[in-house]
Amino acid sequence: MFIALLIGFVFGFVGSMPVAGPVSILVFGRGLQDRSRSAVYLAAGSALAESVYAYFAFWGFGALLEMNPWLEPITRGAAAVILTALGLHYALKRNNDAAADSGAPPSHGGAKRNFLLGVTITALNPTLMATWGAAVTTVHSLDLVSFQASRALPFSVGVFAGITGWFVLLLWLLTRFKGRFERSTLERAVRVMGWLLTALGLFFAVRFFSYVHAHLDKT
């Protein structure tokens, strides 16, 4: 069981490193805004949802999407709305100079709200089933651990710990080295992150409407 836990941790940690996905962008952006606490809750929620995907992938439930092909376009449509709204919020947000001058601490938002946001964004990405299916296939091909039912939970717990561990390290690095950059530079970086989120949302929207269009053509 320890081996399954360790392998899950490594895959979760390394797989979260690219700052390209929506949750990574949000965590990075909040870290730049001195909102590390809300970013940790967001990352933990995302890690929980992704560890569930990893659990099911370990069990071989990747066929679920094949049996229910309508799940993917529906979740992409919902993800498009959420990511586009979040992206525009960050991209168009302007710094409140009055609040900054008064020395008021930045708002961290509710812990439960940020946690649920992380869960929702990740749960609405069914391609993670395929991603973790590929990861599990790699583990199987390397003959690193036996695929027994008792190994699925330790593997998914390791994934959760690995993903959360990476984001905590990322936020620590941002806190440590962020002071070397000017505030205006950090604000521009946050806006860039917002536009990246918006682009991801629009990408999901295009995929959703393409599915709808193709389905209407068949009927």
Protein backbone atom coordinates (compact mmCIF):
# COMPACT_ATOMS: atom_id res chain seq x y z
CA MET A 1 0.00 0.00 0.00
CA PHE A 2 2.87 2.37 0.75
CA ILE A 3 4.19 1.93 -2.79
CA ALA A 4 0.78 2.81 -4.24
CA LEU A 5 0.64 5.87 -1.96
CA LEU A 6 4.14 6.98 -3.00
CA ILE A 7 3.47 6.50 -6.72
CA GLY A 8 0.23 8.46 -6.44
CA PHE A 9 2.09 11.28 -4.67
CA VAL A 10 4.77 11.45 -7.38
CA PHE A 11 2.24 11.45 -10.21
CA GLY A 12 0.08 14.07 -8.48
CA PHE A 13 3.03 16.33 -7.65
CA VAL A 14 4.76 16.18 -11.04
CA GLY A 15 1.52 16.26 -13.02
CA SER A 16 0.48 19.52 -11.36
CA MET A 17 3.70 21.39 -12.15
CA PRO A 18 2.76 22.95 -15.52
CA VAL A 19 0.93 26.23 -14.86
CA ALA A 20 -1.43 25.68 -17.78
CA GLY A 21 -4.70 24.33 -16.39
CA PRO A 22 -7.49 26.55 -15.02
CA VAL A 23 -6.85 25.67 -11.37
CA SER A 24 -3.09 26.25 -11.74
CA ILE A 25 -3.76 29.66 -13.28
CA LEU A 26 -6.20 30.59 -10.50
CA VAL A 27 -3.83 29.47 -7.75
CA PHE A 28 -0.93 31.32 -9.35
CA GLY A 29 -3.01 34.47 -9.78
CA ARG A 30 -4.25 34.43 -6.20
CA GLY A 31 -0.72 33.88 -4.98
CA LEU A 32 0.33 37.04 -6.79
CA GLN A 33 -2.56 38.88 -5.11
CA ASP A 34 -1.50 37.85 -1.58
CA ARG A 35 -4.49 35.51 -1.36
CA SER A 36 -2.54 32.38 -0.48
CA ARG A 37 -5.11 31.14 2.01
CA SER A 38 -7.95 31.09 -0.52
CA ALA A 39 -5.56 29.58 -3.08
CA VAL A 40 -4.78 26.68 -0.72
CA TYR A 41 -8.48 25.90 -0.24
CA LEU A 42 -8.99 26.12 -4.00
CA ALA A 43 -6.08 23.76 -4.62
CA ALA A 44 -7.30 21.32 -1.97
CA GLY A 45 -10.75 21.18 -3.57
CA SER A 46 -9.23 20.57 -6.97
CA ALA A 47 -6.93 17.90 -5.54
CA LEU A 48 -9.90 16.11 -3.96
CA ALA A 49 -11.84 16.00 -7.24
CA GLU A 50 -8.78 14.88 -9.19
CA SER A 51 -7.96 12.18 -6.65
CA VAL A 52 -11.46 10.78 -7.21
CA TYR A 53 -10.74 10.61 -10.95
CA ALA A 54 -7.46 8.86 -10.12
CA TYR A 55 -9.31 6.41 -7.89
CA PHE A 56 -11.79 5.49 -10.62
CA ALA A 57 -9.02 5.28 -13.22
CA PHE A 58 -7.20 2.82 -10.99
CA TRP A 59 -10.35 0.73 -10.91
CA GLY A 60 -10.63 0.89 -14.68
CA PHE A 61 -13.76 3.00 -14.89
CA GLY A 62 -12.49 4.99 -17.85
CA ALA A 63 -15.19 3.26 -19.91
CA LEU A 64 -17.78 5.41 -18.13
CA LEU A 65 -17.34 8.22 -20.65
CA GLU A 66 -17.61 5.80 -23.54
CA MET A 67 -20.89 4.49 -22.15
CA ASN A 68 -22.24 8.02 -21.62
CA PRO A 69 -20.84 10.21 -24.42
CA TRP A 70 -23.19 13.07 -23.52
CA LEU A 71 -21.34 13.70 -20.23
CA GLU A 72 -18.30 15.33 -21.80
CA PRO A 73 -20.03 18.04 -23.89
CA ILE A 74 -22.38 18.93 -21.02
CA THR A 75 -19.51 19.38 -18.58
CA ARG A 76 -17.56 21.36 -21.17
CA GLY A 77 -20.48 23.74 -21.54
CA ALA A 78 -20.66 24.30 -17.79
CA ALA A 79 -16.89 24.70 -17.57
CA ALA A 80 -17.00 27.27 -20.38
CA VAL A 81 -19.37 29.49 -18.40
CA ILE A 82 -17.42 29.24 -15.14
CA LEU A 83 -13.95 29.71 -16.63
CA THR A 84 -14.97 32.60 -18.89
CA ALA A 85 -16.63 34.42 -15.98
CA LEU A 86 -13.62 33.91 -13.72
CA GLY A 87 -11.20 34.89 -16.48
CA LEU A 88 -13.00 38.14 -17.26
CA HIS A 89 -13.17 38.92 -13.55
CA TYR A 90 -9.38 38.75 -13.25
CA ALA A 91 -8.62 40.26 -16.67
CA LEU A 92 -10.82 43.34 -16.24
CA LYS A 93 -10.34 43.87 -12.52
CA ARG A 94 -8.55 47.07 -11.59
CA ASN A 95 -6.56 47.64 -8.45
CA ASN A 96 -8.43 49.48 -5.70
CA ASP A 97 -5.89 52.18 -4.87
CA ALA A 98 -7.89 53.44 -1.90
CA ALA A 99 -7.96 50.04 -0.26
CA ALA A 100 -4.29 49.54 -1.02
CA ASP A 101 -3.38 52.90 0.50
CA SER A 102 -5.39 52.24 3.63
CA GLY A 103 -3.38 49.11 4.26
CA ALA A 104 -6.48 46.92 4.39
CA PRO A 105 -5.65 43.24 3.98
CA PRO A 106 -6.88 41.53 0.80
CA SER A 107 -10.08 39.54 1.00
CA HIS A 108 -9.56 35.78 1.15
CA GLY A 109 -13.16 34.79 0.53
CA GLY A 110 -14.90 31.91 2.25
CA ALA A 111 -12.92 28.71 2.75
CA LYS A 112 -15.89 26.56 1.78
CA ARG A 113 -16.60 28.64 -1.32
CA ASN A 114 -13.03 28.38 -2.57
CA PHE A 115 -12.88 24.68 -1.78
CA LEU A 116 -16.10 24.01 -3.69
CA LEU A 117 -14.87 26.14 -6.58
CA GLY A 118 -11.79 23.95 -6.88
CA VAL A 119 -13.92 20.81 -6.74
CA THR A 120 -16.33 22.13 -9.37
CA ILE A 121 -13.74 23.28 -11.91
CA THR A 122 -11.87 19.98 -11.74
CA ALA A 123 -14.98 17.80 -11.66
CA LEU A 124 -16.18 19.52 -14.86
CA ASN A 125 -13.09 18.33 -16.70
CA PRO A 126 -13.86 14.71 -17.69
CA THR A 127 -10.68 14.52 -19.76
CA LEU A 128 -8.91 13.96 -16.45
CA MET A 129 -10.32 10.44 -16.52
CA ALA A 130 -8.37 9.83 -19.72
CA THR A 131 -5.32 11.56 -18.26
CA TRP A 132 -5.30 9.41 -15.16
CA GLY A 133 -6.17 6.38 -17.24
CA ALA A 134 -2.95 6.98 -19.16
CA ALA A 135 -1.04 7.49 -15.91
CA VAL A 136 -2.40 4.25 -14.47
CA THR A 137 -1.51 2.45 -17.71
CA THR A 138 2.05 3.72 -17.34
CA VAL A 139 2.21 2.48 -13.76
CA HIS A 140 0.88 -0.88 -14.88
CA SER A 141 3.41 -1.17 -17.72
CA LEU A 142 6.29 -0.47 -15.33
CA ASP A 143 5.01 -3.20 -13.01
CA LEU A 144 5.49 -0.90 -10.02
CA VAL A 145 2.45 -1.97 -8.04
CA SER A 146 -0.13 -4.75 -8.19
CA PHE A 147 -3.58 -3.60 -9.27
CA GLN A 148 -5.73 -4.82 -6.41
CA ALA A 149 -8.84 -3.16 -5.03
CA SER A 150 -7.02 -2.39 -1.78
CA ARG A 151 -4.44 -0.29 -3.68
CA ALA A 152 -6.90 2.17 -5.24
CA LEU A 153 -7.52 4.23 -2.09
CA PRO A 154 -3.82 4.66 -1.14
CA PHE A 155 -3.08 5.64 -4.74
CA SER A 156 -5.78 8.32 -4.76
CA VAL A 157 -4.71 9.60 -1.31
CA GLY A 158 -1.17 9.92 -2.65
CA VAL A 159 -2.48 11.85 -5.65
CA PHE A 160 -4.33 14.25 -3.34
CA ALA A 161 -1.23 14.79 -1.21
CA GLY A 162 0.99 15.27 -4.27
CA ILE A 163 -1.26 17.85 -5.92
CA THR A 164 -1.78 19.78 -2.69
CA GLY A 165 1.92 19.58 -1.90
CA TRP A 166 2.90 21.10 -5.24
CA PHE A 167 0.50 24.02 -4.90
CA VAL A 168 1.64 24.72 -1.33
CA LEU A 169 5.24 24.77 -2.57
CA LEU A 170 4.29 27.04 -5.47
CA LEU A 171 2.55 29.49 -3.14
CA TRP A 172 5.55 29.46 -0.78
CA LEU A 173 7.88 30.26 -3.68
CA LEU A 174 5.60 33.08 -4.81
CA THR A 175 5.48 34.54 -1.30
CA ARG A 176 9.25 34.32 -0.96
CA PHE A 177 10.25 35.84 -4.29
CA LYS A 178 7.27 38.03 -5.19
CA GLY A 179 8.78 41.02 -3.40
CA ARG A 180 11.40 41.32 -6.11
CA PHE A 181 8.80 42.50 -8.62
CA GLU A 182 6.99 45.82 -8.80
CA ARG A 183 3.27 45.93 -7.97
CA SER A 184 2.37 47.03 -11.50
CA THR A 185 4.18 44.01 -12.91
CA LEU A 186 2.27 41.67 -10.60
CA GLU A 187 -1.04 43.27 -11.57
CA ARG A 188 -0.27 42.79 -15.26
CA ALA A 189 0.60 39.16 -14.56
CA VAL A 190 -2.78 38.66 -12.86
CA ARG A 191 -4.57 40.19 -15.87
CA VAL A 192 -2.65 37.89 -18.21
CA MET A 193 -3.76 34.94 -16.08
CA GLY A 194 -7.33 36.22 -16.43
CA TRP A 195 -7.12 36.32 -20.21
CA LEU A 196 -5.66 32.81 -20.23
CA LEU A 197 -8.63 31.58 -18.20
CA THR A 198 -10.98 33.37 -20.58
CA ALA A 199 -9.29 31.69 -23.54
CA LEU A 200 -9.73 28.29 -21.88
CA GLY A 201 -13.39 29.06 -21.26
CA LEU A 202 -13.93 30.05 -24.89
CA PHE A 203 -12.14 26.88 -26.01
CA PHE A 204 -14.58 24.77 -23.98
CA ALA A 205 -17.45 26.82 -25.41
CA VAL A 206 -16.32 26.13 -28.97
CA ARG A 207 -16.09 22.41 -28.21
CA PHE A 208 -19.58 22.47 -26.68
CA PHE A 209 -21.23 24.29 -29.60
CA SER A 210 -19.40 22.06 -32.10
CA TYR A 211 -20.95 19.05 -30.40
CA VAL A 212 -24.40 20.65 -30.42
CA HIS A 213 -24.05 21.59 -34.11
CA ALA A 214 -22.92 18.10 -35.09
CA HIS A 215 -25.74 16.54 -33.07
CA LEU A 216 -28.35 18.79 -34.73
CA ASP A 217 -27.02 17.90 -38.18
CA LYS A 218 -27.60 14.21 -37.46
CA THR A 219 -31.21 14.82 -36.41
